[in-house]
Amino acid sequence: MPQSNLKLANASLSQAYEADRQRLNPKDSLWARFKVIFGREKYLYLLALPGLLFFLIFKYFPLWGLGLAFKNYSPYLGFWESEWVGFKYFREFFTNPDFFLLFRNTMAISLLNIIFFFPIPIVLALLINEVRSMRFKKVIQTIVYLPHFLSWVIIAGICFIILGQSDGIVNKIIVELGGQPIAFLTEPNYFWGLLTAQSIWKEAGWGTIIFLAAIAGINQEMYEAAQIDGANRWKQIMKITLPCIRSTIVVLLILRLGQVMEVGFEQIFLMMSSPVSHVADVFDTYVYRAGIQNGRFSYATVVGVFKSVVGLVLVVTANRLAKKFGEEGLY
């Protein structure tokens, strides 16, 4: 859209919001004020309706199930008739000898993902944005997006084929070169790095979408002015591109911190084996054993509540720090 048309569109939108503001009366009911806003933006609200329904049905309505953490839940008695036990399962969980092991493994895998995986989509988006041939750019984007659509079952199978100790491709090459096979899949020292590499290969390309969209929204006149001043491509990236997408990076980092306790059950469950169980066991796999295999639904709910509380605390703290340093944050 030309710059002049964009300014006219912004001016029209501002006039529409000002008209709505004048029509709104603080003394009116919430429903009356909603009808004023909905009257102008009804098609946008209808467009957002499927997403709103998804969150209501699958995210907010199930919150009542958190009450299981305070009950000795029995499927035969039901939710309301099950015995109220208060914080019994919370005490059991925090005094469990496996708690610190689970916490260590979960935090270590999450921190590795934040340190190594989170910056990769940013760098990849910057590199893709520098490609001048649109055809070549589309080919690159298609290639890096494809792994996202593969299931973790396929990813794990590829890893076994490539890194298997007896018949893996890498170890066959090592043996042919006169070396000894390396136990990539059963050596605890390699496990966390292997998970991080899998995540990078599978999801880094898909993560570039938001950053490429943010880069596309940068005013091109800034680059033209920088070129006139003699700035090369590297200086344009450091002085224009990165500062302009900084708010997007901060928001996504805050959201990522909220998922620090979510390290991916399926990925770890498929890659975990007895030799690496002491570095692979995380809260997600523990919930599977306690809740599904052993039928301790209330105890498993306690683990979920703990993960949610930690994520909430990290999001709130990170958002406050972001605002303290001049960023917009989430809210």
C-alpha atoms as a PDB file:
ATOM      1  CA  MET A   1       0.000   0.000   0.000  1.00  0.00           C
ATOM      2  CA  PRO A   2       1.423   3.453  -0.886  1.00  0.00           C
ATOM      3  CA  GLN A   3       2.411   5.641   2.032  1.00  0.00           C
ATOM      4  CA  SER A   4      -0.255   8.266   1.225  1.00  0.00           C
ATOM      5  CA  ASN A   5      -3.038   5.658   1.169  1.00  0.00           C
ATOM      6  CA  LEU A   6      -1.767   4.213   4.453  1.00  0.00           C
ATOM      7  CA  LYS A   7      -1.944   7.650   6.091  1.00  0.00           C
ATOM      8  CA  LEU A   8      -5.501   8.142   4.817  1.00  0.00           C
ATOM      9  CA  ALA A   9      -6.512   4.732   6.164  1.00  0.00           C
ATOM     10  CA  ASN A  10      -5.029   5.510   9.583  1.00  0.00           C
ATOM     11  CA  ALA A  11      -6.784   8.893   9.627  1.00  0.00           C
ATOM     12  CA  SER A  12     -10.140   7.281   8.772  1.00  0.00           C
ATOM     13  CA  LEU A  13      -9.643   4.666  11.467  1.00  0.00           C
ATOM     14  CA  SER A  14      -8.808   7.324  14.050  1.00  0.00           C
ATOM     15  CA  GLN A  15     -11.947   9.287  13.123  1.00  0.00           C
ATOM     16  CA  ALA A  16     -14.070   6.146  13.485  1.00  0.00           C
ATOM     17  CA  TYR A  17     -12.643   5.404  16.946  1.00  0.00           C
ATOM     18  CA  GLU A  18     -13.190   9.013  18.008  1.00  0.00           C
ATOM     19  CA  ALA A  19     -16.829   8.820  16.874  1.00  0.00           C
ATOM     20  CA  ASP A  20     -17.302   5.612  18.877  1.00  0.00           C
ATOM     21  CA  ARG A  21     -15.694   7.190  21.926  1.00  0.00           C
ATOM     22  CA  GLN A  22     -18.131  10.093  21.808  1.00  0.00           C
ATOM     23  CA  ARG A  23     -21.087   7.715  21.485  1.00  0.00           C
ATOM     24  CA  LEU A  24     -19.988   5.657  24.490  1.00  0.00           C
ATOM     25  CA  ASN A  25     -21.346   6.697  27.850  1.00  0.00           C
ATOM     26  CA  PRO A  26     -19.483   5.466  30.947  1.00  0.00           C
ATOM     27  CA  LYS A  27     -22.843   5.050  32.680  1.00  0.00           C
ATOM     28  CA  ASP A  28     -24.106   2.664  30.008  1.00  0.00           C
ATOM     29  CA  SER A  29     -24.088  -1.053  30.688  1.00  0.00           C
ATOM     30  CA  LEU A  30     -21.290  -3.242  29.425  1.00  0.00           C
ATOM     31  CA  TRP A  31     -23.653  -4.814  26.895  1.00  0.00           C
ATOM     32  CA  ALA A  32     -24.683  -1.394  25.541  1.00  0.00           C
ATOM     33  CA  ARG A  33     -21.076  -0.336  25.078  1.00  0.00           C
ATOM     34  CA  PHE A  34     -20.259  -3.676  23.461  1.00  0.00           C
ATOM     35  CA  LYS A  35     -23.069  -3.197  20.915  1.00  0.00           C
ATOM     36  CA  VAL A  36     -21.625   0.163  19.880  1.00  0.00           C
ATOM     37  CA  ILE A  37     -18.198  -1.343  19.246  1.00  0.00           C
ATOM     38  CA  PHE A  38     -19.582  -4.557  17.725  1.00  0.00           C
ATOM     39  CA  GLY A  39     -21.710  -2.562  15.296  1.00  0.00           C
ATOM     40  CA  ARG A  40     -18.622  -1.240  13.521  1.00  0.00           C
ATOM     41  CA  GLU A  41     -16.271  -4.197  13.967  1.00  0.00           C
ATOM     42  CA  LYS A  42     -18.794  -7.036  13.696  1.00  0.00           C
ATOM     43  CA  TYR A  43     -17.046  -8.764  10.808  1.00  0.00           C
ATOM     44  CA  LEU A  44     -13.724  -8.713  12.640  1.00  0.00           C
ATOM     45  CA  TYR A  45     -15.380 -10.195  15.728  1.00  0.00           C
ATOM     46  CA  LEU A  46     -17.010 -12.889  13.602  1.00  0.00           C
ATOM     47  CA  LEU A  47     -13.620 -13.628  12.078  1.00  0.00           C
ATOM     48  CA  ALA A  48     -12.152 -14.024  15.570  1.00  0.00           C
ATOM     49  CA  LEU A  49     -15.088 -16.146  16.820  1.00  0.00           C
ATOM     50  CA  PRO A  50     -13.545 -19.598  16.022  1.00  0.00           C
ATOM     51  CA  GLY A  51     -10.386 -18.677  17.928  1.00  0.00           C
ATOM     52  CA  LEU A  52     -12.383 -17.342  20.872  1.00  0.00           C
ATOM     53  CA  LEU A  53     -14.486 -20.514  20.985  1.00  0.00           C
ATOM     54  CA  PHE A  54     -11.333 -22.629  20.896  1.00  0.00           C
ATOM     55  CA  PHE A  55      -9.886 -20.889  23.943  1.00  0.00           C
ATOM     56  CA  LEU A  56     -13.194 -20.936  25.815  1.00  0.00           C
ATOM     57  CA  ILE A  57     -13.845 -24.630  25.222  1.00  0.00           C
ATOM     58  CA  PHE A  58     -10.335 -26.050  25.492  1.00  0.00           C
ATOM     59  CA  LYS A  59      -8.538 -23.541  27.758  1.00  0.00           C
ATOM     60  CA  TYR A  60     -10.987 -21.799  30.108  1.00  0.00           C
ATOM     61  CA  PHE A  61     -13.823 -24.281  30.673  1.00  0.00           C
ATOM     62  CA  PRO A  62     -11.394 -27.056  31.736  1.00  0.00           C
ATOM     63  CA  LEU A  63     -10.030 -24.823  34.529  1.00  0.00           C
ATOM     64  CA  TRP A  64     -12.662 -26.231  36.881  1.00  0.00           C
ATOM     65  CA  GLY A  65     -10.685 -29.484  36.705  1.00  0.00           C
ATOM     66  CA  LEU A  66      -7.926 -27.871  38.779  1.00  0.00           C
ATOM     67  CA  GLY A  67     -10.091 -28.715  41.765  1.00  0.00           C
ATOM     68  CA  LEU A  68      -8.934 -32.311  41.360  1.00  0.00           C
ATOM     69  CA  ALA A  69      -5.647 -31.277  42.958  1.00  0.00           C
ATOM     70  CA  PHE A  70      -7.468 -30.768  46.259  1.00  0.00           C
ATOM     71  CA  LYS A  71      -9.549 -33.965  46.135  1.00  0.00           C
ATOM     72  CA  ASN A  72      -8.890 -37.685  46.321  1.00  0.00           C
ATOM     73  CA  TYR A  73     -10.560 -38.135  42.975  1.00  0.00           C
ATOM     74  CA  SER A  74     -12.319 -41.385  42.202  1.00  0.00           C
ATOM     75  CA  PRO A  75     -13.943 -41.961  38.782  1.00  0.00           C
ATOM     76  CA  TYR A  76     -16.636 -43.987  40.507  1.00  0.00           C
ATOM     77  CA  LEU A  77     -17.604 -41.181  42.903  1.00  0.00           C
ATOM     78  CA  GLY A  78     -17.203 -38.351  40.409  1.00  0.00           C
ATOM     79  CA  PHE A  79     -15.757 -34.890  40.863  1.00  0.00           C
ATOM     80  CA  TRP A  80     -18.251 -33.536  43.396  1.00  0.00           C
ATOM     81  CA  GLU A  81     -18.493 -36.636  45.589  1.00  0.00           C
ATOM     82  CA  SER A  82     -14.762 -37.329  45.843  1.00  0.00           C
ATOM     83  CA  GLU A  83     -13.131 -36.708  49.216  1.00  0.00           C
ATOM     84  CA  TRP A  84     -11.635 -33.255  49.857  1.00  0.00           C
ATOM     85  CA  VAL A  85      -8.007 -33.655  51.008  1.00  0.00           C
ATOM     86  CA  GLY A  86      -6.721 -30.063  50.757  1.00  0.00           C
ATOM     87  CA  PHE A  87      -2.969 -29.752  50.161  1.00  0.00           C
ATOM     88  CA  LYS A  88      -2.182 -33.416  50.808  1.00  0.00           C
ATOM     89  CA  TYR A  89      -0.942 -34.125  47.276  1.00  0.00           C
ATOM     90  CA  PHE A  90       0.945 -30.832  47.114  1.00  0.00           C
ATOM     91  CA  ARG A  91       2.978 -31.859  50.171  1.00  0.00           C
ATOM     92  CA  GLU A  92       3.560 -35.298  48.681  1.00  0.00           C
ATOM     93  CA  PHE A  93       4.744 -33.824  45.404  1.00  0.00           C
ATOM     94  CA  PHE A  94       7.163 -31.277  46.875  1.00  0.00           C
ATOM     95  CA  THR A  95       8.647 -33.826  49.298  1.00  0.00           C
ATOM     96  CA  ASN A  96       9.034 -36.471  46.585  1.00  0.00           C
ATOM     97  CA  PRO A  97      12.733 -37.375  46.112  1.00  0.00           C
ATOM     98  CA  ASP A  98      12.219 -37.163  42.332  1.00  0.00           C
ATOM     99  CA  PHE A  99      11.023 -33.534  42.450  1.00  0.00           C
ATOM    100  CA  PHE A 100      14.454 -31.898  42.166  1.00  0.00           C
ATOM    101  CA  LEU A 101      15.527 -34.344  39.456  1.00  0.00           C
ATOM    102  CA  LEU A 102      12.413 -33.538  37.410  1.00  0.00           C
ATOM    103  CA  PHE A 103      12.861 -29.810  38.025  1.00  0.00           C
ATOM    104  CA  ARG A 104      16.542 -29.918  37.017  1.00  0.00           C
ATOM    105  CA  ASN A 105      15.898 -31.800  33.780  1.00  0.00           C
ATOM    106  CA  THR A 106      12.936 -29.638  32.793  1.00  0.00           C
ATOM    107  CA  MET A 107      14.732 -26.366  33.462  1.00  0.00           C
ATOM    108  CA  ALA A 108      17.936 -27.504  31.746  1.00  0.00           C
ATOM    109  CA  ILE A 109      16.142 -28.503  28.548  1.00  0.00           C
ATOM    110  CA  SER A 110      14.083 -25.284  28.577  1.00  0.00           C
ATOM    111  CA  LEU A 111      17.128 -23.079  29.138  1.00  0.00           C
ATOM    112  CA  LEU A 112      18.992 -24.783  26.287  1.00  0.00           C
ATOM    113  CA  ASN A 113      16.005 -24.127  24.027  1.00  0.00           C
ATOM    114  CA  ILE A 114      15.877 -20.466  25.067  1.00  0.00           C
ATOM    115  CA  ILE A 115      19.628 -19.929  24.660  1.00  0.00           C
ATOM    116  CA  PHE A 116      20.177 -21.843  21.425  1.00  0.00           C
ATOM    117  CA  PHE A 117      16.791 -22.364  19.787  1.00  0.00           C
ATOM    118  CA  PHE A 118      15.064 -19.014  20.386  1.00  0.00           C
ATOM    119  CA  PRO A 119      17.638 -16.836  18.511  1.00  0.00           C
ATOM    120  CA  ILE A 120      17.827 -19.160  15.478  1.00  0.00           C
ATOM    121  CA  PRO A 121      14.486 -18.081  13.899  1.00  0.00           C
ATOM    122  CA  ILE A 122      15.538 -14.426  14.276  1.00  0.00           C
ATOM    123  CA  VAL A 123      18.847 -15.014  12.510  1.00  0.00           C
ATOM    124  CA  LEU A 124      17.165 -17.162   9.874  1.00  0.00           C
ATOM    125  CA  ALA A 125      14.530 -14.485   9.221  1.00  0.00           C
ATOM    126  CA  LEU A 126      17.238 -11.844   8.814  1.00  0.00           C
ATOM    127  CA  LEU A 127      19.112 -14.059   6.335  1.00  0.00           C
ATOM    128  CA  ILE A 128      15.976 -14.887   4.327  1.00  0.00           C
ATOM    129  CA  ASN A 129      15.046 -11.207   4.221  1.00  0.00           C
ATOM    130  CA  GLU A 130      18.423 -10.430   2.606  1.00  0.00           C
ATOM    131  CA  VAL A 131      17.740 -12.778  -0.331  1.00  0.00           C
ATOM    132  CA  ARG A 132      16.919 -10.620  -3.334  1.00  0.00           C
ATOM    133  CA  SER A 133      15.545 -13.287  -5.690  1.00  0.00           C
ATOM    134  CA  MET A 134      11.884 -13.829  -4.773  1.00  0.00           C
ATOM    135  CA  ARG A 135      11.848 -17.276  -6.402  1.00  0.00           C
ATOM    136  CA  PHE A 136      14.923 -18.395  -4.476  1.00  0.00           C
ATOM    137  CA  LYS A 137      13.487 -16.893  -1.272  1.00  0.00           C
ATOM    138  CA  LYS A 138      10.262 -18.894  -1.659  1.00  0.00           C
ATOM    139  CA  VAL A 139      12.239 -22.090  -2.247  1.00  0.00           C
ATOM    140  CA  ILE A 140      14.278 -21.491   0.925  1.00  0.00           C
ATOM    141  CA  GLN A 141      11.168 -20.735   2.971  1.00  0.00           C
ATOM    142  CA  THR A 142       9.468 -23.898   1.742  1.00  0.00           C
ATOM    143  CA  ILE A 143      12.497 -26.016   2.639  1.00  0.00           C
ATOM    144  CA  VAL A 144      12.847 -24.625   6.167  1.00  0.00           C
ATOM    145  CA  TYR A 145       9.070 -24.824   6.805  1.00  0.00           C
ATOM    146  CA  LEU A 146       8.726 -28.497   5.817  1.00  0.00           C
ATOM    147  CA  PRO A 147      10.135 -30.124   9.009  1.00  0.00           C
ATOM    148  CA  HIS A 148       7.406 -28.434  11.054  1.00  0.00           C
ATOM    149  CA  PHE A 149       4.794 -30.627   9.383  1.00  0.00           C
ATOM    150  CA  LEU A 150       6.594 -33.858  10.308  1.00  0.00           C
ATOM    151  CA  SER A 151       5.425 -35.593  13.474  1.00  0.00           C
ATOM    152  CA  TRP A 152       7.830 -36.289  16.310  1.00  0.00           C
ATOM    153  CA  VAL A 153       7.479 -39.988  15.519  1.00  0.00           C
ATOM    154  CA  ILE A 154       9.063 -39.376  12.115  1.00  0.00           C
ATOM    155  CA  ILE A 155      11.729 -37.101  13.613  1.00  0.00           C
ATOM    156  CA  ALA A 156      12.651 -39.762  16.180  1.00  0.00           C
ATOM    157  CA  GLY A 157      12.771 -42.412  13.446  1.00  0.00           C
ATOM    158  CA  ILE A 158      15.134 -40.264  11.362  1.00  0.00           C
ATOM    159  CA  CYS A 159      17.395 -39.818  14.416  1.00  0.00           C
ATOM    160  CA  PHE A 160      17.522 -43.564  15.020  1.00  0.00           C
ATOM    161  CA  ILE A 161      18.427 -44.175  11.376  1.00  0.00           C
ATOM    162  CA  ILE A 162      21.153 -41.522  11.376  1.00  0.00           C
ATOM    163  CA  LEU A 163      22.571 -41.853  14.914  1.00  0.00           C
ATOM    164  CA  GLY A 164      21.963 -45.492  15.832  1.00  0.00           C
ATOM    165  CA  GLN A 165      24.997 -47.108  17.437  1.00  0.00           C
ATOM    166  CA  SER A 166      24.965 -50.376  15.478  1.00  0.00           C
ATOM    167  CA  ASP A 167      23.471 -49.458  12.112  1.00  0.00           C
ATOM    168  CA  GLY A 168      23.267 -45.663  12.141  1.00  0.00           C
ATOM    169  CA  ILE A 169      24.631 -43.826   9.110  1.00  0.00           C
ATOM    170  CA  VAL A 170      26.966 -41.613  11.154  1.00  0.00           C
ATOM    171  CA  ASN A 171      28.475 -44.519  13.097  1.00  0.00           C
ATOM    172  CA  LYS A 172      28.950 -46.534   9.915  1.00  0.00           C
ATOM    173  CA  ILE A 173      30.986 -43.643   8.495  1.00  0.00           C
ATOM    174  CA  ILE A 174      32.982 -43.416  11.747  1.00  0.00           C
ATOM    175  CA  VAL A 175      33.740 -47.158  11.653  1.00  0.00           C
ATOM    176  CA  GLU A 176      34.756 -46.976   7.983  1.00  0.00           C
ATOM    177  CA  LEU A 177      37.190 -44.206   8.914  1.00  0.00           C
ATOM    178  CA  GLY A 178      38.734 -46.430  11.601  1.00  0.00           C
ATOM    179  CA  GLY A 179      36.956 -45.030  14.656  1.00  0.00           C
ATOM    180  CA  GLN A 180      34.732 -46.582  17.313  1.00  0.00           C
ATOM    181  CA  PRO A 181      30.916 -46.259  17.291  1.00  0.00           C
ATOM    182  CA  ILE A 182      29.520 -43.493  19.481  1.00  0.00           C
ATOM    183  CA  ALA A 183      26.378 -44.066  21.555  1.00  0.00           C
ATOM    184  CA  PHE A 184      24.623 -40.844  20.564  1.00  0.00           C
ATOM    185  CA  LEU A 185      21.180 -42.078  21.660  1.00  0.00           C
ATOM    186  CA  THR A 186      22.123 -43.776  24.921  1.00  0.00           C
ATOM    187  CA  GLU A 187      24.842 -41.482  26.242  1.00  0.00           C
ATOM    188  CA  PRO A 188      23.390 -39.105  28.914  1.00  0.00           C
ATOM    189  CA  ASN A 189      25.910 -36.385  28.076  1.00  0.00           C
ATOM    190  CA  TYR A 190      24.489 -36.099  24.547  1.00  0.00           C
ATOM    191  CA  PHE A 191      20.790 -36.269  25.353  1.00  0.00           C
ATOM    192  CA  TRP A 192      19.982 -32.610  26.113  1.00  0.00           C
ATOM    193  CA  GLY A 193      21.984 -31.416  23.120  1.00  0.00           C
ATOM    194  CA  LEU A 194      20.231 -33.960  20.899  1.00  0.00           C
ATOM    195  CA  LEU A 195      16.803 -32.688  21.983  1.00  0.00           C
ATOM    196  CA  THR A 196      17.832 -29.075  21.338  1.00  0.00           C
ATOM    197  CA  ALA A 197      19.169 -29.940  17.876  1.00  0.00           C
ATOM    198  CA  GLN A 198      15.924 -31.752  17.041  1.00  0.00           C
ATOM    199  CA  SER A 199      13.848 -28.740  18.095  1.00  0.00           C
ATOM    200  CA  ILE A 200      16.001 -26.372  16.047  1.00  0.00           C
ATOM    201  CA  TRP A 201      15.773 -28.520  12.915  1.00  0.00           C
ATOM    202  CA  LYS A 202      12.036 -29.063  13.223  1.00  0.00           C
ATOM    203  CA  GLU A 203      10.718 -25.686  14.363  1.00  0.00           C
ATOM    204  CA  ALA A 204      13.296 -22.987  13.542  1.00  0.00           C
ATOM    205  CA  GLY A 205      11.963 -22.448  10.023  1.00  0.00           C
ATOM    206  CA  TRP A 206       8.368 -22.208  11.188  1.00  0.00           C
ATOM    207  CA  GLY A 207       9.391 -19.698  13.856  1.00  0.00           C
ATOM    208  CA  THR A 208      10.654 -17.295  11.199  1.00  0.00           C
ATOM    209  CA  ILE A 209       7.112 -16.515  10.005  1.00  0.00           C
ATOM    210  CA  ILE A 210       6.349 -13.962  12.725  1.00  0.00           C
ATOM    211  CA  PHE A 211       9.759 -12.305  12.432  1.00  0.00           C
ATOM    212  CA  LEU A 212       9.507 -12.074   8.635  1.00  0.00           C
ATOM    213  CA  ALA A 213       6.080 -10.466   9.046  1.00  0.00           C
ATOM    214  CA  ALA A 214       7.531  -7.967  11.511  1.00  0.00           C
ATOM    215  CA  ILE A 215      10.401  -7.169   9.130  1.00  0.00           C
ATOM    216  CA  ALA A 216       7.949  -6.703   6.249  1.00  0.00           C
ATOM    217  CA  GLY A 217       6.166  -4.008   8.296  1.00  0.00           C
ATOM    218  CA  ILE A 218       9.255  -1.815   8.609  1.00  0.00           C
ATOM    219  CA  ASN A 219       9.046   1.475   6.720  1.00  0.00           C
ATOM    220  CA  GLN A 220      11.229   1.112   3.623  1.00  0.00           C
ATOM    221  CA  GLU A 221      12.007   4.823   3.653  1.00  0.00           C
ATOM    222  CA  MET A 222      14.277   4.176   6.645  1.00  0.00           C
ATOM    223  CA  TYR A 223      16.432   1.838   4.552  1.00  0.00           C
ATOM    224  CA  GLU A 224      16.523   4.318   1.690  1.00  0.00           C
ATOM    225  CA  ALA A 225      17.693   7.055   4.040  1.00  0.00           C
ATOM    226  CA  ALA A 226      20.341   4.734   5.484  1.00  0.00           C
ATOM    227  CA  GLN A 227      21.618   3.895   2.000  1.00  0.00           C
ATOM    228  CA  ILE A 228      21.925   7.580   1.195  1.00  0.00           C
ATOM    229  CA  ASP A 229      23.972   8.007   4.382  1.00  0.00           C
ATOM    230  CA  GLY A 230      26.291   5.228   3.224  1.00  0.00           C
ATOM    231  CA  ALA A 231      25.175   2.453   5.579  1.00  0.00           C
ATOM    232  CA  ASN A 232      25.932  -1.062   4.325  1.00  0.00           C
ATOM    233  CA  ARG A 233      23.585  -4.041   4.762  1.00  0.00           C
ATOM    234  CA  TRP A 234      25.119  -5.067   8.095  1.00  0.00           C
ATOM    235  CA  LYS A 235      24.637  -1.592   9.579  1.00  0.00           C
ATOM    236  CA  GLN A 236      21.067  -1.467   8.264  1.00  0.00           C
ATOM    237  CA  ILE A 237      20.317  -4.741  10.031  1.00  0.00           C
ATOM    238  CA  MET A 238      21.877  -3.608  13.312  1.00  0.00           C
ATOM    239  CA  LYS A 239      20.530  -0.041  13.285  1.00  0.00           C
ATOM    240  CA  ILE A 240      17.134  -0.459  11.610  1.00  0.00           C
ATOM    241  CA  THR A 241      15.887  -4.041  11.321  1.00  0.00           C
ATOM    242  CA  LEU A 242      16.709  -5.340  14.795  1.00  0.00           C
ATOM    243  CA  PRO A 243      15.523  -2.213  16.672  1.00  0.00           C
ATOM    244  CA  CYS A 244      12.262  -2.224  14.698  1.00  0.00           C
ATOM    245  CA  ILE A 245      11.471  -5.860  15.521  1.00  0.00           C
ATOM    246  CA  ARG A 246      12.736  -5.637  19.099  1.00  0.00           C
ATOM    247  CA  SER A 247       9.225  -5.377  20.541  1.00  0.00           C
ATOM    248  CA  THR A 248       8.214  -8.552  18.669  1.00  0.00           C
ATOM    249  CA  ILE A 249      11.269 -10.358  20.009  1.00  0.00           C
ATOM    250  CA  VAL A 250      10.493  -9.259  23.574  1.00  0.00           C
ATOM    251  CA  VAL A 251       6.855 -10.373  23.367  1.00  0.00           C
ATOM    252  CA  LEU A 252       7.764 -13.794  21.979  1.00  0.00           C
ATOM    253  CA  LEU A 253      10.470 -14.206  24.608  1.00  0.00           C
ATOM    254  CA  ILE A 254       7.964 -13.448  27.367  1.00  0.00           C
ATOM    255  CA  LEU A 255       5.558 -16.001  25.907  1.00  0.00           C
ATOM    256  CA  ARG A 256       8.383 -18.524  25.663  1.00  0.00           C
ATOM    257  CA  LEU A 257       9.216 -18.028  29.336  1.00  0.00           C
ATOM    258  CA  GLY A 258       5.592 -18.844  30.142  1.00  0.00           C
ATOM    259  CA  GLN A 259       6.153 -22.277  28.578  1.00  0.00           C
ATOM    260  CA  VAL A 260       9.397 -22.985  30.399  1.00  0.00           C
ATOM    261  CA  MET A 261       7.824 -26.008  32.116  1.00  0.00           C
ATOM    262  CA  GLU A 262       6.541 -27.369  28.791  1.00  0.00           C
ATOM    263  CA  VAL A 263       9.425 -29.160  27.125  1.00  0.00           C
ATOM    264  CA  GLY A 264       7.454 -31.469  24.824  1.00  0.00           C
ATOM    265  CA  PHE A 265       6.154 -34.790  26.100  1.00  0.00           C
ATOM    266  CA  GLU A 266       6.044 -36.563  22.755  1.00  0.00           C
ATOM    267  CA  GLN A 267       9.610 -35.708  21.763  1.00  0.00           C
ATOM    268  CA  ILE A 268      11.131 -36.801  25.087  1.00  0.00           C
ATOM    269  CA  PHE A 269       8.898 -39.867  25.432  1.00  0.00           C
ATOM    270  CA  LEU A 270      10.020 -41.150  22.026  1.00  0.00           C
ATOM    271  CA  MET A 271      13.722 -40.481  22.641  1.00  0.00           C
ATOM    272  CA  MET A 272      13.882 -41.637  26.271  1.00  0.00           C
ATOM    273  CA  SER A 273      15.449 -44.984  27.149  1.00  0.00           C
ATOM    274  CA  SER A 274      16.731 -46.618  30.326  1.00  0.00           C
ATOM    275  CA  PRO A 275      20.363 -45.408  30.021  1.00  0.00           C
ATOM    276  CA  VAL A 276      19.255 -41.748  29.757  1.00  0.00           C
ATOM    277  CA  SER A 277      16.181 -41.839  32.004  1.00  0.00           C
ATOM    278  CA  HIS A 278      17.857 -39.859  34.793  1.00  0.00           C
ATOM    279  CA  VAL A 279      18.444 -36.915  32.420  1.00  0.00           C
ATOM    280  CA  ALA A 280      15.301 -37.407  30.292  1.00  0.00           C
ATOM    281  CA  ASP A 281      12.592 -37.663  32.939  1.00  0.00           C
ATOM    282  CA  VAL A 282      10.672 -34.358  33.105  1.00  0.00           C
ATOM    283  CA  PHE A 283       7.370 -33.199  34.554  1.00  0.00           C
ATOM    284  CA  ASP A 284       5.462 -34.150  31.399  1.00  0.00           C
ATOM    285  CA  THR A 285       6.646 -37.761  31.403  1.00  0.00           C
ATOM    286  CA  TYR A 286       6.126 -37.925  35.174  1.00  0.00           C
ATOM    287  CA  VAL A 287       2.517 -36.808  34.758  1.00  0.00           C
ATOM    288  CA  TYR A 288       2.007 -39.544  32.178  1.00  0.00           C
ATOM    289  CA  ARG A 289       3.270 -42.215  34.569  1.00  0.00           C
ATOM    290  CA  ALA A 290       1.458 -40.913  37.636  1.00  0.00           C
ATOM    291  CA  GLY A 291      -1.816 -39.904  35.995  1.00  0.00           C
ATOM    292  CA  ILE A 292      -2.311 -42.299  33.085  1.00  0.00           C
ATOM    293  CA  GLN A 293      -0.371 -45.420  33.996  1.00  0.00           C
ATOM    294  CA  ASN A 294      -0.959 -45.364  37.761  1.00  0.00           C
ATOM    295  CA  GLY A 295      -4.385 -43.694  37.725  1.00  0.00           C
ATOM    296  CA  ARG A 296      -3.417 -41.000  40.275  1.00  0.00           C
ATOM    297  CA  PHE A 297      -5.400 -38.227  38.632  1.00  0.00           C
ATOM    298  CA  SER A 298      -5.375 -35.835  41.596  1.00  0.00           C
ATOM    299  CA  TYR A 299      -1.627 -36.169  42.063  1.00  0.00           C
ATOM    300  CA  ALA A 300      -1.003 -35.591  38.346  1.00  0.00           C
ATOM    301  CA  THR A 301      -3.197 -32.476  38.492  1.00  0.00           C
ATOM    302  CA  VAL A 302      -0.955 -31.079  41.230  1.00  0.00           C
ATOM    303  CA  VAL A 303       2.008 -31.299  38.839  1.00  0.00           C
ATOM    304  CA  GLY A 304       0.006 -29.434  36.202  1.00  0.00           C
ATOM    305  CA  VAL A 305      -0.944 -26.717  38.686  1.00  0.00           C
ATOM    306  CA  PHE A 306       2.703 -26.298  39.689  1.00  0.00           C
ATOM    307  CA  LYS A 307       3.780 -25.944  36.052  1.00  0.00           C
ATOM    308  CA  SER A 308       1.061 -23.353  35.401  1.00  0.00           C
ATOM    309  CA  VAL A 309       1.971 -21.292  38.473  1.00  0.00           C
ATOM    310  CA  VAL A 310       5.659 -21.246  37.527  1.00  0.00           C
ATOM    311  CA  GLY A 311       4.779 -20.166  33.991  1.00  0.00           C
ATOM    312  CA  LEU A 312       2.478 -17.414  35.273  1.00  0.00           C
ATOM    313  CA  VAL A 313       5.113 -16.068  37.661  1.00  0.00           C
ATOM    314  CA  LEU A 314       7.741 -15.993  34.909  1.00  0.00           C
ATOM    315  CA  VAL A 315       5.412 -14.228  32.454  1.00  0.00           C
ATOM    316  CA  VAL A 316       4.400 -11.559  34.983  1.00  0.00           C
ATOM    317  CA  THR A 317       8.002 -11.019  36.089  1.00  0.00           C
ATOM    318  CA  ALA A 318       9.347 -10.848  32.537  1.00  0.00           C
ATOM    319  CA  ASN A 319       6.570  -8.478  31.494  1.00  0.00           C
ATOM    320  CA  ARG A 320       7.357  -6.107  34.376  1.00  0.00           C
ATOM    321  CA  LEU A 321      11.057  -6.185  33.549  1.00  0.00           C
ATOM    322  CA  ALA A 322      10.275  -5.453  29.897  1.00  0.00           C
ATOM    323  CA  LYS A 323       8.188  -2.432  30.868  1.00  0.00           C
ATOM    324  CA  LYS A 324      10.913  -1.294  33.236  1.00  0.00           C
ATOM    325  CA  PHE A 325      13.367  -1.222  30.317  1.00  0.00           C
ATOM    326  CA  GLY A 326      10.972   0.721  28.094  1.00  0.00           C
ATOM    327  CA  GLU A 327       9.330  -2.083  26.123  1.00  0.00           C
ATOM    328  CA  GLU A 328       5.571  -2.456  25.652  1.00  0.00           C
ATOM    329  CA  GLY A 329       5.327  -6.001  26.995  1.00  0.00           C
ATOM    330  CA  LEU A 330       2.219  -8.146  26.794  1.00  0.00           C
ATOM    331  CA  TYR A 331      -0.145  -5.918  28.775  1.00  0.00           C
END
